């Protein structure tokens, strides 16, 4: 174990030293970035689009250098890494930041596009919260209109069927599973396959595409419709590092982020259509909750999270509710 720790430490020091050296060469700003998921996972597509745009627009001025994924920093520790300035940029789910920013649990409840959120005050609220509680600047949102779904090994035909079922969760939908009577199990994506294989988990929550990236489609028999929430993948940057950038560098990053957000809409719509067809070809059945059952299912999902945010983040809970629900309902 000591040898493993020492080896990991040496690898990181070498990576850090190489990148730090590159920062000192010339006037070009270099930002070090990590992702919550392994490089090939589609959740990262927005990040690599952002990186490409920044590096093209900012040639000789600003550049994003990809350091790696959870093999560099464990997923759930990345928010601390960016908060402390150990890394410049993290690309992750807002749900992975709730230990530091409890109100972030509500980001997924928004029905707005990133463009709308930048105009109606929602984006500014999250910027304020991340500034104060995580020493982070919100670069942008990586997915739009992508929903979460529950996937299961055993057949589930109603909300009541969740009672007693062990479902792998993230903080994003833990409260929802509890509300339905399920038993939430928190684990990293890398552990899900084994948990399904050994019967430790009866199912899991995930976005509407990409389970094949992890091999979970081999052990999954059902996916439940409708979906719920809007996936909350974010790019965050250490606030001190952001403030240290030139106005030109900031403008490049902002422009690249807004272009990336628009492009990802069509990108993920196409991924969903292709992926859902693959699931059907694999024999995975789509279970559709209908009528009142579907309405109750989605309503429980939203209320469970909102109630938890109101409890754990009272200083922001009411403002979050006002911006995400009351304005939308109007």
Foldseek 3Di string as FASTA:
>chain_A
DVVVVVVLVVVLVVLVVVQVVVCPPAQEHEFEEEEQDFPVFPLCVLVVLLQVQLCVVQPRHYHYDYPGYVSNPHNLCVLVCQLVVVGFKYKYFLLSVCVQQVLSLCLQLFLDAQVVCVVQVVQVVVQVRCCPRRLKGFLAFQAHPWFKWKWFLDDDQFLQVQAAFEEEEGSNQCLLSVLSNHHYDYDDLQCVCVCLVVVVHGIYMDILAGPVVNPCLVRTAEIEDDTETTTGTTMIGRNVVVVPGDPVSSVSSNVSRVVSSVVNHVVVVVRNVVGVVVSVVSNRYYRYDDDPRNVVSRVSRNVSSLVSSCVPPVVCSVVSCCSRPVVVVD
